[in-house]
Amino acid sequence: MSFYQAQIYKNVMEALVAEEIKSQLNQNPAYRSQKINITEVATYALNRVPPLYASSQEGLYRQKQRAQKEFGQHLKAAVHKGLEIVTSKPLRLTTPLLPEEDLEAEAQLARMALERLPMEGELF
């Protein structure tokens, strides 16, 4: 695997939203006594801010600067609203997504099962 094949990309907004959630939770004592699904708050906020991807350290720095300058207030408002909504309906029944490595293992099992199936027109 070459260096560029191993290279990854990141949505800078994910880290900034996580930081803002932590900040707002620490500033508001009312949230401390509640069980809050942080993932749902983050998802809510991320769906309301633009994605800003980076594939290098320099790009990561530039995108963070841009995010804070252009979208800082919008990001804070999105997190605030997400906290309001999630805390007003804390007991939503949902099935969480699996981490990527679990999904890859699940996909591998599905591929193996498909390989064992007879092809169209084949006799059993």
PDB file of N, CA and C in Angstrom:
ATOM      1  N   MET A   1       0.851  -1.172   0.000  1.00  0.00           N
ATOM      2  CA  MET A   1       0.000   0.000   0.000  1.00  0.00           C
ATOM      3  C   MET A   1       0.901   1.240   0.000  1.00  0.00           C
ATOM      4  N   SER A   2       0.636   2.125  -0.923  1.00  0.00           N
ATOM      5  CA  SER A   2       1.437   3.346  -0.997  1.00  0.00           C
ATOM      6  C   SER A   2       0.964   4.362   0.039  1.00  0.00           C
ATOM      7  N   PHE A   3       1.776   5.380   0.229  1.00  0.00           N
ATOM      8  CA  PHE A   3       1.453   6.448   1.175  1.00  0.00           C
ATOM      9  C   PHE A   3       0.099   7.060   0.866  1.00  0.00           C
ATOM     10  N   TYR A   4      -0.178   7.333  -0.409  1.00  0.00           N
ATOM     11  CA  TYR A   4      -1.424   8.008  -0.771  1.00  0.00           C
ATOM     12  C   TYR A   4      -2.632   7.096  -0.640  1.00  0.00           C
ATOM     13  N   GLN A   5      -2.445   5.787  -0.755  1.00  0.00           N
ATOM     14  CA  GLN A   5      -3.567   4.874  -0.551  1.00  0.00           C
ATOM     15  C   GLN A   5      -3.960   4.814   0.924  1.00  0.00           C
ATOM     16  N   ALA A   6      -2.997   5.042   1.805  1.00  0.00           N
ATOM     17  CA  ALA A   6      -3.273   5.013   3.243  1.00  0.00           C
ATOM     18  C   ALA A   6      -3.840   6.334   3.736  1.00  0.00           C
ATOM     19  N   GLN A   7      -3.756   7.361   2.915  1.00  0.00           N
ATOM     20  CA  GLN A   7      -4.215   8.690   3.315  1.00  0.00           C
ATOM     21  C   GLN A   7      -5.718   8.671   3.571  1.00  0.00           C
ATOM     22  N   ILE A   8      -6.138   9.413   4.570  1.00  0.00           N
ATOM     23  CA  ILE A   8      -7.564   9.486   4.900  1.00  0.00           C
ATOM     24  C   ILE A   8      -8.057  10.911   4.743  1.00  0.00           C
ATOM     25  N   TYR A   9      -9.338  11.089   4.927  1.00  0.00           N
ATOM     26  CA  TYR A   9      -9.928  12.417   4.921  1.00  0.00           C
ATOM     27  C   TYR A   9     -10.844  12.528   6.126  1.00  0.00           C
ATOM     28  N   LYS A  10     -11.035  13.748   6.587  1.00  0.00           N
ATOM     29  CA  LYS A  10     -11.866  13.997   7.768  1.00  0.00           C
ATOM     30  C   LYS A  10     -12.779  15.179   7.525  1.00  0.00           C
ATOM     31  N   ASN A  11     -13.967  15.081   8.106  1.00  0.00           N
ATOM     32  CA  ASN A  11     -14.887  16.204   8.124  1.00  0.00           C
ATOM     33  C   ASN A  11     -14.581  16.991   9.397  1.00  0.00           C
ATOM     34  N   VAL A  12     -13.993  18.154   9.236  1.00  0.00           N
ATOM     35  CA  VAL A  12     -13.575  18.994  10.356  1.00  0.00           C
ATOM     36  C   VAL A  12     -14.756  19.326  11.264  1.00  0.00           C
ATOM     37  N   MET A  13     -15.930  19.444  10.695  1.00  0.00           N
ATOM     38  CA  MET A  13     -17.107  19.821  11.484  1.00  0.00           C
ATOM     39  C   MET A  13     -17.431  18.786  12.559  1.00  0.00           C
ATOM     40  N   GLU A  14     -17.086  17.527  12.337  1.00  0.00           N
ATOM     41  CA  GLU A  14     -17.379  16.516  13.348  1.00  0.00           C
ATOM     42  C   GLU A  14     -16.657  16.824  14.657  1.00  0.00           C
ATOM     43  N   ALA A  15     -15.389  17.153  14.572  1.00  0.00           N
ATOM     44  CA  ALA A  15     -14.623  17.473  15.780  1.00  0.00           C
ATOM     45  C   ALA A  15     -15.117  18.775  16.419  1.00  0.00           C
ATOM     46  N   LEU A  16     -15.421  19.751  15.591  1.00  0.00           N
ATOM     47  CA  LEU A  16     -15.892  21.037  16.128  1.00  0.00           C
ATOM     48  C   LEU A  16     -17.253  20.901  16.796  1.00  0.00           C
ATOM     49  N   VAL A  17     -18.131  20.094  16.228  1.00  0.00           N
ATOM     50  CA  VAL A  17     -19.445  19.857  16.846  1.00  0.00           C
ATOM     51  C   VAL A  17     -19.255  19.137  18.177  1.00  0.00           C
ATOM     52  N   ALA A  18     -18.379  18.132  18.218  1.00  0.00           N
ATOM     53  CA  ALA A  18     -18.128  17.406  19.471  1.00  0.00           C
ATOM     54  C   ALA A  18     -17.597  18.355  20.548  1.00  0.00           C
ATOM     55  N   GLU A  19     -16.675  19.231  20.183  1.00  0.00           N
ATOM     56  CA  GLU A  19     -16.146  20.216  21.137  1.00  0.00           C
ATOM     57  C   GLU A  19     -17.236  21.151  21.629  1.00  0.00           C
ATOM     58  N   GLU A  20     -18.103  21.580  20.719  1.00  0.00           N
ATOM     59  CA  GLU A  20     -19.169  22.511  21.099  1.00  0.00           C
ATOM     60  C   GLU A  20     -20.203  21.839  21.998  1.00  0.00           C
ATOM     61  N   ILE A  21     -20.502  20.590  21.740  1.00  0.00           N
ATOM     62  CA  ILE A  21     -21.433  19.859  22.610  1.00  0.00           C
ATOM     63  C   ILE A  21     -20.860  19.797  24.023  1.00  0.00           C
ATOM     64  N   LYS A  22     -19.600  19.425  24.132  1.00  0.00           N
ATOM     65  CA  LYS A  22     -18.950  19.342  25.445  1.00  0.00           C
ATOM     66  C   LYS A  22     -18.979  20.697  26.143  1.00  0.00           C
ATOM     67  N   SER A  23     -18.692  21.754  25.402  1.00  0.00           N
ATOM     68  CA  SER A  23     -18.684  23.101  25.972  1.00  0.00           C
ATOM     69  C   SER A  23     -20.064  23.493  26.490  1.00  0.00           C
ATOM     70  N   GLN A  24     -21.090  23.258  25.680  1.00  0.00           N
ATOM     71  CA  GLN A  24     -22.444  23.637  26.095  1.00  0.00           C
ATOM     72  C   GLN A  24     -22.942  22.783  27.256  1.00  0.00           C
ATOM     73  N   LEU A  25     -22.564  21.522  27.295  1.00  0.00           N
ATOM     74  CA  LEU A  25     -22.960  20.676  28.421  1.00  0.00           C
ATOM     75  C   LEU A  25     -22.307  21.160  29.707  1.00  0.00           C
ATOM     76  N   ASN A  26     -21.054  21.582  29.627  1.00  0.00           N
ATOM     77  CA  ASN A  26     -20.344  22.076  30.815  1.00  0.00           C
ATOM     78  C   ASN A  26     -20.882  23.423  31.295  1.00  0.00           C
ATOM     79  N   GLN A  27     -21.388  24.230  30.391  1.00  0.00           N
ATOM     80  CA  GLN A  27     -21.888  25.561  30.751  1.00  0.00           C
ATOM     81  C   GLN A  27     -23.291  25.540  31.342  1.00  0.00           C
ATOM     82  N   ASN A  28     -24.035  24.477  31.095  1.00  0.00           N
ATOM     83  CA  ASN A  28     -25.431  24.443  31.532  1.00  0.00           C
ATOM     84  C   ASN A  28     -25.633  23.332  32.555  1.00  0.00           C
ATOM     85  N   PRO A  29     -25.761  23.652  33.827  1.00  0.00           N
ATOM     86  CA  PRO A  29     -25.920  22.638  34.873  1.00  0.00           C
ATOM     87  C   PRO A  29     -27.176  21.776  34.695  1.00  0.00           C
ATOM     88  N   ALA A  30     -28.189  22.300  34.035  1.00  0.00           N
ATOM     89  CA  ALA A  30     -29.423  21.532  33.844  1.00  0.00           C
ATOM     90  C   ALA A  30     -29.173  20.261  33.030  1.00  0.00           C
ATOM     91  N   TYR A  31     -28.191  20.303  32.141  1.00  0.00           N
ATOM     92  CA  TYR A  31     -27.901  19.133  31.309  1.00  0.00           C
ATOM     93  C   TYR A  31     -27.151  18.048  32.080  1.00  0.00           C
ATOM     94  N   ARG A  32     -26.446  18.424  33.121  1.00  0.00           N
ATOM     95  CA  ARG A  32     -25.598  17.471  33.842  1.00  0.00           C
ATOM     96  C   ARG A  32     -26.393  16.354  34.500  1.00  0.00           C
ATOM     97  N   SER A  33     -27.614  16.620  34.897  1.00  0.00           N
ATOM     98  CA  SER A  33     -28.414  15.623  35.594  1.00  0.00           C
ATOM     99  C   SER A  33     -29.188  14.725  34.622  1.00  0.00           C
ATOM    100  N   GLN A  34     -29.128  15.020  33.359  1.00  0.00           N
ATOM    101  CA  GLN A  34     -29.891  14.261  32.371  1.00  0.00           C
ATOM    102  C   GLN A  34     -28.994  13.290  31.610  1.00  0.00           C
ATOM    103  N   LYS A  35     -29.593  12.182  31.187  1.00  0.00           N
ATOM    104  CA  LYS A  35     -28.882  11.266  30.303  1.00  0.00           C
ATOM    105  C   LYS A  35     -29.156  11.736  28.880  1.00  0.00           C
ATOM    106  N   ILE A  36     -28.103  12.199  28.230  1.00  0.00           N
ATOM    107  CA  ILE A  36     -28.252  12.775  26.894  1.00  0.00           C
ATOM    108  C   ILE A  36     -27.524  11.909  25.888  1.00  0.00           C
ATOM    109  N   ASN A  37     -28.208  11.563  24.828  1.00  0.00           N
ATOM    110  CA  ASN A  37     -27.584  10.802  23.753  1.00  0.00           C
ATOM    111  C   ASN A  37     -26.767  11.782  22.902  1.00  0.00           C
ATOM    112  N   ILE A  38     -25.491  11.844  23.187  1.00  0.00           N
ATOM    113  CA  ILE A  38     -24.593  12.783  22.528  1.00  0.00           C
ATOM    114  C   ILE A  38     -24.542  12.526  21.022  1.00  0.00           C
ATOM    115  N   THR A  39     -24.627  11.269  20.628  1.00  0.00           N
ATOM    116  CA  THR A  39     -24.582  10.930  19.198  1.00  0.00           C
ATOM    117  C   THR A  39     -25.755  11.549  18.462  1.00  0.00           C
ATOM    118  N   GLU A  40     -26.925  11.557  19.080  1.00  0.00           N
ATOM    119  CA  GLU A  40     -28.084  12.162  18.427  1.00  0.00           C
ATOM    120  C   GLU A  40     -27.951  13.684  18.350  1.00  0.00           C
ATOM    121  N   VAL A  41     -27.389  14.278  19.378  1.00  0.00           N
ATOM    122  CA  VAL A  41     -27.159  15.730  19.351  1.00  0.00           C
ATOM    123  C   VAL A  41     -26.188  16.063  18.228  1.00  0.00           C
ATOM    124  N   ALA A  42     -25.100  15.312  18.135  1.00  0.00           N
ATOM    125  CA  ALA A  42     -24.093  15.549  17.093  1.00  0.00           C
ATOM    126  C   ALA A  42     -24.693  15.349  15.705  1.00  0.00           C
ATOM    127  N   THR A  43     -25.479  14.308  15.536  1.00  0.00           N
ATOM    128  CA  THR A  43     -26.100  14.047  14.239  1.00  0.00           C
ATOM    129  C   THR A  43     -27.025  15.186  13.845  1.00  0.00           C
ATOM    130  N   TYR A  44     -27.826  15.645  14.798  1.00  0.00           N
ATOM    131  CA  TYR A  44     -28.720  16.765  14.534  1.00  0.00           C
ATOM    132  C   TYR A  44     -27.918  17.976  14.053  1.00  0.00           C
ATOM    133  N   ALA A  45     -26.878  18.333  14.812  1.00  0.00           N
ATOM    134  CA  ALA A  45     -26.089  19.520  14.486  1.00  0.00           C
ATOM    135  C   ALA A  45     -25.355  19.357  13.155  1.00  0.00           C
ATOM    136  N   LEU A  46     -24.762  18.195  12.928  1.00  0.00           N
ATOM    137  CA  LEU A  46     -24.007  17.979  11.685  1.00  0.00           C
ATOM    138  C   LEU A  46     -24.889  18.053  10.444  1.00  0.00           C
ATOM    139  N   ASN A  47     -26.148  17.704  10.597  1.00  0.00           N
ATOM    140  CA  ASN A  47     -27.067  17.800   9.460  1.00  0.00           C
ATOM    141  C   ASN A  47     -27.484  19.241   9.169  1.00  0.00           C
ATOM    142  N   ARG A  48     -27.049  20.163  10.014  1.00  0.00           N
ATOM    143  CA  ARG A  48     -27.414  21.567   9.834  1.00  0.00           C
ATOM    144  C   ARG A  48     -26.230  22.494   9.581  1.00  0.00           C
ATOM    145  N   VAL A  49     -25.054  21.930   9.495  1.00  0.00           N
ATOM    146  CA  VAL A  49     -23.858  22.707   9.145  1.00  0.00           C
ATOM    147  C   VAL A  49     -23.228  22.085   7.902  1.00  0.00           C
ATOM    148  N   PRO A  50     -22.498  22.880   7.122  1.00  0.00           N
ATOM    149  CA  PRO A  50     -21.882  22.310   5.915  1.00  0.00           C
ATOM    150  C   PRO A  50     -20.692  21.430   6.276  1.00  0.00           C
ATOM    151  N   PRO A  51     -20.478  20.359   5.514  1.00  0.00           N
ATOM    152  CA  PRO A  51     -19.278  19.557   5.752  1.00  0.00           C
ATOM    153  C   PRO A  51     -18.050  20.299   5.239  1.00  0.00           C
ATOM    154  N   LEU A  52     -16.962  20.186   5.955  1.00  0.00           N
ATOM    155  CA  LEU A  52     -15.691  20.773   5.532  1.00  0.00           C
ATOM    156  C   LEU A  52     -14.617  19.700   5.674  1.00  0.00           C
ATOM    157  N   TYR A  53     -14.255  19.077   4.551  1.00  0.00           N
ATOM    158  CA  TYR A  53     -13.304  17.967   4.569  1.00  0.00           C
ATOM    159  C   TYR A  53     -11.874  18.434   4.371  1.00  0.00           C
ATOM    160  N   ALA A  54     -10.959  17.661   4.939  1.00  0.00           N
ATOM    161  CA  ALA A  54      -9.527  17.902   4.768  1.00  0.00           C
ATOM    162  C   ALA A  54      -8.836  16.557   4.608  1.00  0.00           C
ATOM    163  N   SER A  55      -7.745  16.565   3.830  1.00  0.00           N
ATOM    164  CA  SER A  55      -6.982  15.335   3.637  1.00  0.00           C
ATOM    165  C   SER A  55      -5.508  15.515   4.002  1.00  0.00           C
ATOM    166  N   SER A  56      -5.178  16.670   4.587  1.00  0.00           N
ATOM    167  CA  SER A  56      -3.803  16.926   5.020  1.00  0.00           C
ATOM    168  C   SER A  56      -3.851  17.735   6.309  1.00  0.00           C
ATOM    169  N   GLN A  57      -2.748  17.772   7.010  1.00  0.00           N
ATOM    170  CA  GLN A  57      -2.667  18.549   8.241  1.00  0.00           C
ATOM    171  C   GLN A  57      -2.908  20.031   7.962  1.00  0.00           C
ATOM    172  N   GLU A  58      -2.345  20.499   6.849  1.00  0.00           N
ATOM    173  CA  GLU A  58      -2.503  21.909   6.481  1.00  0.00           C
ATOM    174  C   GLU A  58      -3.965  22.214   6.141  1.00  0.00           C
ATOM    175  N   GLY A  59      -4.580  21.307   5.417  1.00  0.00           N
ATOM    176  CA  GLY A  59      -5.996  21.465   5.074  1.00  0.00           C
ATOM    177  C   GLY A  59      -6.877  21.423   6.310  1.00  0.00           C
ATOM    178  N   LEU A  60      -6.514  20.569   7.239  1.00  0.00           N
ATOM    179  CA  LEU A  60      -7.260  20.463   8.493  1.00  0.00           C
ATOM    180  C   LEU A  60      -7.222  21.796   9.243  1.00  0.00           C
ATOM    181  N   TYR A  61      -6.054  22.378   9.323  1.00  0.00           N
ATOM    182  CA  TYR A  61      -5.901  23.674   9.992  1.00  0.00           C
ATOM    183  C   TYR A  61      -6.726  24.747   9.283  1.00  0.00           C
ATOM    184  N   ARG A  62      -6.618  24.815   7.946  1.00  0.00           N
ATOM    185  CA  ARG A  62      -7.356  25.840   7.184  1.00  0.00           C
ATOM    186  C   ARG A  62      -8.866  25.662   7.319  1.00  0.00           C
ATOM    187  N   GLN A  63      -9.323  24.428   7.264  1.00  0.00           N
ATOM    188  CA  GLN A  63     -10.767  24.184   7.365  1.00  0.00           C
ATOM    189  C   GLN A  63     -11.283  24.520   8.770  1.00  0.00           C
ATOM    190  N   LYS A  64     -10.484  24.249   9.797  1.00  0.00           N
ATOM    191  CA  LYS A  64     -10.903  24.618  11.164  1.00  0.00           C
ATOM    192  C   LYS A  64     -11.024  26.134  11.287  1.00  0.00           C
ATOM    193  N   GLN A  65     -10.042  26.850  10.738  1.00  0.00           N
ATOM    194  CA  GLN A  65     -10.083  28.313  10.771  1.00  0.00           C
ATOM    195  C   GLN A  65     -11.320  28.826  10.032  1.00  0.00           C
ATOM    196  N   ARG A  66     -11.567  28.259   8.867  1.00  0.00           N
ATOM    197  CA  ARG A  66     -12.728  28.668   8.060  1.00  0.00           C
ATOM    198  C   ARG A  66     -14.030  28.370   8.801  1.00  0.00           C
ATOM    199  N   ALA A  67     -14.117  27.187   9.381  1.00  0.00           N
ATOM    200  CA  ALA A  67     -15.336  26.792  10.091  1.00  0.00           C
ATOM    201  C   ALA A  67     -15.634  27.748  11.235  1.00  0.00           C
ATOM    202  N   GLN A  68     -14.611  28.074  12.002  1.00  0.00           N
ATOM    203  CA  GLN A  68     -14.825  28.958  13.143  1.00  0.00           C
ATOM    204  C   GLN A  68     -15.186  30.373  12.696  1.00  0.00           C
ATOM    205  N   LYS A  69     -14.574  30.832  11.619  1.00  0.00           N
ATOM    206  CA  LYS A  69     -14.834  32.186  11.133  1.00  0.00           C
ATOM    207  C   LYS A  69     -16.202  32.302  10.458  1.00  0.00           C
ATOM    208  N   GLU A  70     -16.489  31.394   9.533  1.00  0.00           N
ATOM    209  CA  GLU A  70     -17.711  31.507   8.728  1.00  0.00           C
ATOM    210  C   GLU A  70     -18.943  30.861   9.358  1.00  0.00           C
ATOM    211  N   PHE A  71     -18.749  29.813  10.146  1.00  0.00           N
ATOM    212  CA  PHE A  71     -19.894  29.041  10.624  1.00  0.00           C
ATOM    213  C   PHE A  71     -19.959  28.890  12.142  1.00  0.00           C
ATOM    214  N   GLY A  72     -19.108  29.619  12.860  1.00  0.00           N
ATOM    215  CA  GLY A  72     -19.052  29.469  14.314  1.00  0.00           C
ATOM    216  C   GLY A  72     -20.385  29.652  15.006  1.00  0.00           C
ATOM    217  N   GLN A  73     -21.080  30.734  14.726  1.00  0.00           N
ATOM    218  CA  GLN A  73     -22.374  31.004  15.374  1.00  0.00           C
ATOM    219  C   GLN A  73     -23.436  30.002  14.923  1.00  0.00           C
ATOM    220  N   HIS A  74     -23.406  29.658  13.656  1.00  0.00           N
ATOM    221  CA  HIS A  74     -24.367  28.684  13.115  1.00  0.00           C
ATOM    222  C   HIS A  74     -24.161  27.320  13.786  1.00  0.00           C
ATOM    223  N   LEU A  75     -22.906  26.936  13.971  1.00  0.00           N
ATOM    224  CA  LEU A  75     -22.586  25.666  14.618  1.00  0.00           C
ATOM    225  C   LEU A  75     -23.073  25.667  16.069  1.00  0.00           C
ATOM    226  N   LYS A  76     -22.823  26.749  16.794  1.00  0.00           N
ATOM    227  CA  LYS A  76     -23.272  26.855  18.190  1.00  0.00           C
ATOM    228  C   LYS A  76     -24.794  26.747  18.282  1.00  0.00           C
ATOM    229  N   ALA A  77     -25.480  27.417  17.365  1.00  0.00           N
ATOM    230  CA  ALA A  77     -26.950  27.385  17.367  1.00  0.00           C
ATOM    231  C   ALA A  77     -27.469  25.979  17.047  1.00  0.00           C
ATOM    232  N   ALA A  78     -26.815  25.301  16.116  1.00  0.00           N
ATOM    233  CA  ALA A  78     -27.244  23.946  15.742  1.00  0.00           C
ATOM    234  C   ALA A  78     -27.065  22.983  16.915  1.00  0.00           C
ATOM    235  N   VAL A  79     -25.964  23.099  17.636  1.00  0.00           N
ATOM    236  CA  VAL A  79     -25.734  22.248  18.807  1.00  0.00           C
ATOM    237  C   VAL A  79     -26.753  22.575  19.895  1.00  0.00           C
ATOM    238  N   HIS A  80     -26.999  23.846  20.128  1.00  0.00           N
ATOM    239  CA  HIS A  80     -27.971  24.265  21.149  1.00  0.00           C
ATOM    240  C   HIS A  80     -29.355  23.676  20.837  1.00  0.00           C
ATOM    241  N   LYS A  81     -29.786  23.814  19.607  1.00  0.00           N
ATOM    242  CA  LYS A  81     -31.094  23.283  19.206  1.00  0.00           C
ATOM    243  C   LYS A  81     -31.111  21.757  19.324  1.00  0.00           C
ATOM    244  N   GLY A  82     -30.014  21.112  18.940  1.00  0.00           N
ATOM    245  CA  GLY A  82     -29.924  19.654  19.075  1.00  0.00           C
ATOM    246  C   GLY A  82     -30.066  19.211  20.514  1.00  0.00           C
ATOM    247  N   LEU A  83     -29.420  19.932  21.420  1.00  0.00           N
ATOM    248  CA  LEU A  83     -29.551  19.607  22.847  1.00  0.00           C
ATOM    249  C   LEU A  83     -30.986  19.794  23.323  1.00  0.00           C
ATOM    250  N   GLU A  84     -31.623  20.858  22.887  1.00  0.00           N
ATOM    251  CA  GLU A  84     -33.024  21.102  23.269  1.00  0.00           C
ATOM    252  C   GLU A  84     -33.923  19.965  22.801  1.00  0.00           C
ATOM    253  N   ILE A  85     -33.773  19.589  21.552  1.00  0.00           N
ATOM    254  CA  ILE A  85     -34.645  18.556  20.982  1.00  0.00           C
ATOM    255  C   ILE A  85     -34.394  17.195  21.612  1.00  0.00           C
ATOM    256  N   VAL A  86     -33.133  16.811  21.734  1.00  0.00           N
ATOM    257  CA  VAL A  86     -32.812  15.489  22.283  1.00  0.00           C
ATOM    258  C   VAL A  86     -33.204  15.395  23.759  1.00  0.00           C
ATOM    259  N   THR A  87     -33.026  16.463  24.512  1.00  0.00           N
ATOM    260  CA  THR A  87     -33.417  16.403  25.927  1.00  0.00           C
ATOM    261  C   THR A  87     -34.930  16.457  26.101  1.00  0.00           C
ATOM    262  N   SER A  88     -35.652  17.004  25.141  1.00  0.00           N
ATOM    263  CA  SER A  88     -37.114  17.033  25.255  1.00  0.00           C
ATOM    264  C   SER A  88     -37.734  15.683  24.905  1.00  0.00           C
ATOM    265  N   LYS A  89     -37.009  14.843  24.167  1.00  0.00           N
ATOM    266  CA  LYS A  89     -37.489  13.509  23.800  1.00  0.00           C
ATOM    267  C   LYS A  89     -36.366  12.497  24.024  1.00  0.00           C
ATOM    268  N   PRO A  90     -35.974  12.278  25.296  1.00  0.00           N
ATOM    269  CA  PRO A  90     -34.789  11.455  25.568  1.00  0.00           C
ATOM    270  C   PRO A  90     -34.959   9.958  25.333  1.00  0.00           C
ATOM    271  N   LEU A  91     -36.168   9.463  25.297  1.00  0.00           N
ATOM    272  CA  LEU A  91     -36.369   8.019  25.225  1.00  0.00           C
ATOM    273  C   LEU A  91     -36.813   7.537  23.848  1.00  0.00           C
ATOM    274  N   ARG A  92     -36.178   8.034  22.809  1.00  0.00           N
ATOM    275  CA  ARG A  92     -36.476   7.535  21.463  1.00  0.00           C
ATOM    276  C   ARG A  92     -35.875   6.152  21.301  1.00  0.00           C
ATOM    277  N   LEU A  93     -36.640   5.239  20.747  1.00  0.00           N
ATOM    278  CA  LEU A  93     -36.129   3.895  20.504  1.00  0.00           C
ATOM    279  C   LEU A  93     -35.489   3.869  19.126  1.00  0.00           C
ATOM    280  N   THR A  94     -34.204   3.607  19.097  1.00  0.00           N
ATOM    281  CA  THR A  94     -33.472   3.553  17.841  1.00  0.00           C
ATOM    282  C   THR A  94     -32.517   2.375  17.857  1.00  0.00           C
ATOM    283  N   THR A  95     -32.127   1.938  16.678  1.00  0.00           N
ATOM    284  CA  THR A  95     -31.122   0.899  16.535  1.00  0.00           C
ATOM    285  C   THR A  95     -29.832   1.574  16.091  1.00  0.00           C
ATOM    286  N   PRO A  96     -28.817   1.599  16.957  1.00  0.00           N
ATOM    287  CA  PRO A  96     -27.576   2.313  16.614  1.00  0.00           C
ATOM    288  C   PRO A  96     -26.858   1.673  15.425  1.00  0.00           C
ATOM    289  N   LEU A  97     -26.131   2.497  14.691  1.00  0.00           N
ATOM    290  CA  LEU A  97     -25.267   1.997  13.633  1.00  0.00           C
ATOM    291  C   LEU A  97     -24.061   1.327  14.266  1.00  0.00           C
ATOM    292  N   LEU A  98     -23.491   0.364  13.551  1.00  0.00           N
ATOM    293  CA  LEU A  98     -22.307  -0.335  14.042  1.00  0.00           C
ATOM    294  C   LEU A  98     -21.043   0.412  13.636  1.00  0.00           C
ATOM    295  N   PRO A  99     -19.966   0.271  14.416  1.00  0.00           N
ATOM    296  CA  PRO A  99     -18.688   0.849  13.988  1.00  0.00           C
ATOM    297  C   PRO A  99     -18.250   0.237  12.655  1.00  0.00           C
ATOM    298  N   GLU A 100     -17.434   0.964  11.912  1.00  0.00           N
ATOM    299  CA  GLU A 100     -17.004   0.534  10.580  1.00  0.00           C
ATOM    300  C   GLU A 100     -16.415  -0.874  10.560  1.00  0.00           C
ATOM    301  N   GLU A 101     -15.588  -1.217  11.547  1.00  0.00           N
ATOM    302  CA  GLU A 101     -14.969  -2.543  11.528  1.00  0.00           C
ATOM    303  C   GLU A 101     -16.017  -3.639  11.676  1.00  0.00           C
ATOM    304  N   ASP A 102     -17.080  -3.395  12.454  1.00  0.00           N
ATOM    305  CA  ASP A 102     -18.163  -4.356  12.581  1.00  0.00           C
ATOM    306  C   ASP A 102     -18.925  -4.475  11.270  1.00  0.00           C
ATOM    307  N   LEU A 103     -19.129  -3.351  10.591  1.00  0.00           N
ATOM    308  CA  LEU A 103     -19.818  -3.379   9.307  1.00  0.00           C
ATOM    309  C   LEU A 103     -19.025  -4.151   8.275  1.00  0.00           C
ATOM    310  N   GLU A 104     -17.701  -3.996   8.279  1.00  0.00           N
ATOM    311  CA  GLU A 104     -16.851  -4.722   7.333  1.00  0.00           C
ATOM    312  C   GLU A 104     -16.929  -6.222   7.585  1.00  0.00           C
ATOM    313  N   ALA A 105     -16.903  -6.640   8.841  1.00  0.00           N
ATOM    314  CA  ALA A 105     -17.018  -8.062   9.174  1.00  0.00           C
ATOM    315  C   ALA A 105     -18.384  -8.595   8.755  1.00  0.00           C
ATOM    316  N   GLU A 106     -19.413  -7.805   8.978  1.00  0.00           N
ATOM    317  CA  GLU A 106     -20.767  -8.200   8.578  1.00  0.00           C
ATOM    318  C   GLU A 106     -20.869  -8.332   7.057  1.00  0.00           C
ATOM    319  N   ALA A 107     -20.262  -7.402   6.335  1.00  0.00           N
ATOM    320  CA  ALA A 107     -20.268  -7.452   4.870  1.00  0.00           C
ATOM    321  C   ALA A 107     -19.517  -8.678   4.369  1.00  0.00           C
ATOM    322  N   GLN A 108     -18.397  -9.016   5.009  1.00  0.00           N
ATOM    323  CA  GLN A 108     -17.625 -10.198   4.623  1.00  0.00           C
ATOM    324  C   GLN A 108     -18.453 -11.457   4.803  1.00  0.00           C
ATOM    325  N   LEU A 109     -19.175 -11.571   5.905  1.00  0.00           N
ATOM    326  CA  LEU A 109     -20.042 -12.726   6.131  1.00  0.00           C
ATOM    327  C   LEU A 109     -21.135 -12.807   5.072  1.00  0.00           C
ATOM    328  N   ALA A 110     -21.700 -11.668   4.706  1.00  0.00           N
ATOM    329  CA  ALA A 110     -22.744 -11.646   3.678  1.00  0.00           C
ATOM    330  C   ALA A 110     -22.169 -12.078   2.330  1.00  0.00           C
ATOM    331  N   ARG A 111     -20.957 -11.611   1.989  1.00  0.00           N
ATOM    332  CA  ARG A 111     -20.323 -12.023   0.723  1.00  0.00           C
ATOM    333  C   ARG A 111     -20.082 -13.523   0.693  1.00  0.00           C
ATOM    334  N   MET A 112     -19.618 -14.076   1.821  1.00  0.00           N
ATOM    335  CA  MET A 112     -19.371 -15.516   1.882  1.00  0.00           C
ATOM    336  C   MET A 112     -20.673 -16.296   1.712  1.00  0.00           C
ATOM    337  N   ALA A 113     -21.745 -15.820   2.310  1.00  0.00           N
ATOM    338  CA  ALA A 113     -23.046 -16.484   2.180  1.00  0.00           C
ATOM    339  C   ALA A 113     -23.530 -16.422   0.738  1.00  0.00           C
ATOM    340  N   LEU A 114     -23.335 -15.294   0.085  1.00  0.00           N
ATOM    341  CA  LEU A 114     -23.747 -15.164  -1.317  1.00  0.00           C
ATOM    342  C   LEU A 114     -22.950 -16.081  -2.230  1.00  0.00           C
ATOM    343  N   GLU A 115     -21.675 -16.268  -1.931  1.00  0.00           N
ATOM    344  CA  GLU A 115     -20.833 -17.142  -2.748  1.00  0.00           C
ATOM    345  C   GLU A 115     -21.297 -18.587  -2.677  1.00  0.00           C
ATOM    346  N   ARG A 116     -21.941 -18.971  -1.583  1.00  0.00           N
ATOM    347  CA  ARG A 116     -22.422 -20.339  -1.416  1.00  0.00           C
ATOM    348  C   ARG A 116     -23.752 -20.588  -2.118  1.00  0.00           C
ATOM    349  N   LEU A 117     -24.434 -19.530  -2.509  1.00  0.00           N
ATOM    350  CA  LEU A 117     -25.719 -19.686  -3.189  1.00  0.00           C
ATOM    351  C   LEU A 117     -25.487 -20.164  -4.628  1.00  0.00           C
ATOM    352  N   PRO A 118     -26.396 -21.010  -5.133  1.00  0.00           N
ATOM    353  CA  PRO A 118     -26.240 -21.435  -6.539  1.00  0.00           C
ATOM    354  C   PRO A 118     -26.509 -20.276  -7.487  1.00  0.00           C
ATOM    355  N   MET A 119     -25.781 -20.270  -8.598  1.00  0.00           N
ATOM    356  CA  MET A 119     -25.979 -19.237  -9.618  1.00  0.00           C
ATOM    357  C   MET A 119     -27.285 -19.516 -10.351  1.00  0.00           C
ATOM    358  N   GLU A 120     -27.832 -18.484 -10.975  1.00  0.00           N
ATOM    359  CA  GLU A 120     -29.072 -18.631 -11.733  1.00  0.00           C
ATOM    360  C   GLU A 120     -28.868 -19.684 -12.816  1.00  0.00           C
ATOM    361  N   GLY A 121     -29.773 -20.626 -12.892  1.00  0.00           N
ATOM    362  CA  GLY A 121     -29.698 -21.674 -13.907  1.00  0.00           C
ATOM    363  C   GLY A 121     -28.933 -22.903 -13.437  1.00  0.00           C
ATOM    364  N   GLU A 122     -28.233 -22.843 -12.313  1.00  0.00           N
ATOM    365  CA  GLU A 122     -27.497 -23.994 -11.790  1.00  0.00           C
ATOM    366  C   GLU A 122     -28.456 -24.935 -11.083  1.00  0.00           C
ATOM    367  N   LEU A 123     -28.129 -26.200 -11.120  1.00  0.00           N
ATOM    368  CA  LEU A 123     -28.902 -27.176 -10.372  1.00  0.00           C
ATOM    369  C   LEU A 123     -28.374 -27.238  -8.955  1.00  0.00           C
ATOM    370  N   PHE A 124     -29.257 -27.534  -8.044  1.00  0.00           N
ATOM    371  CA  PHE A 124     -28.855 -27.626  -6.631  1.00  0.00           C
ATOM    372  C   PHE A 124     -28.046 -28.830  -6.424  1.00  0.00           C
TER     373      PHE A 124
END
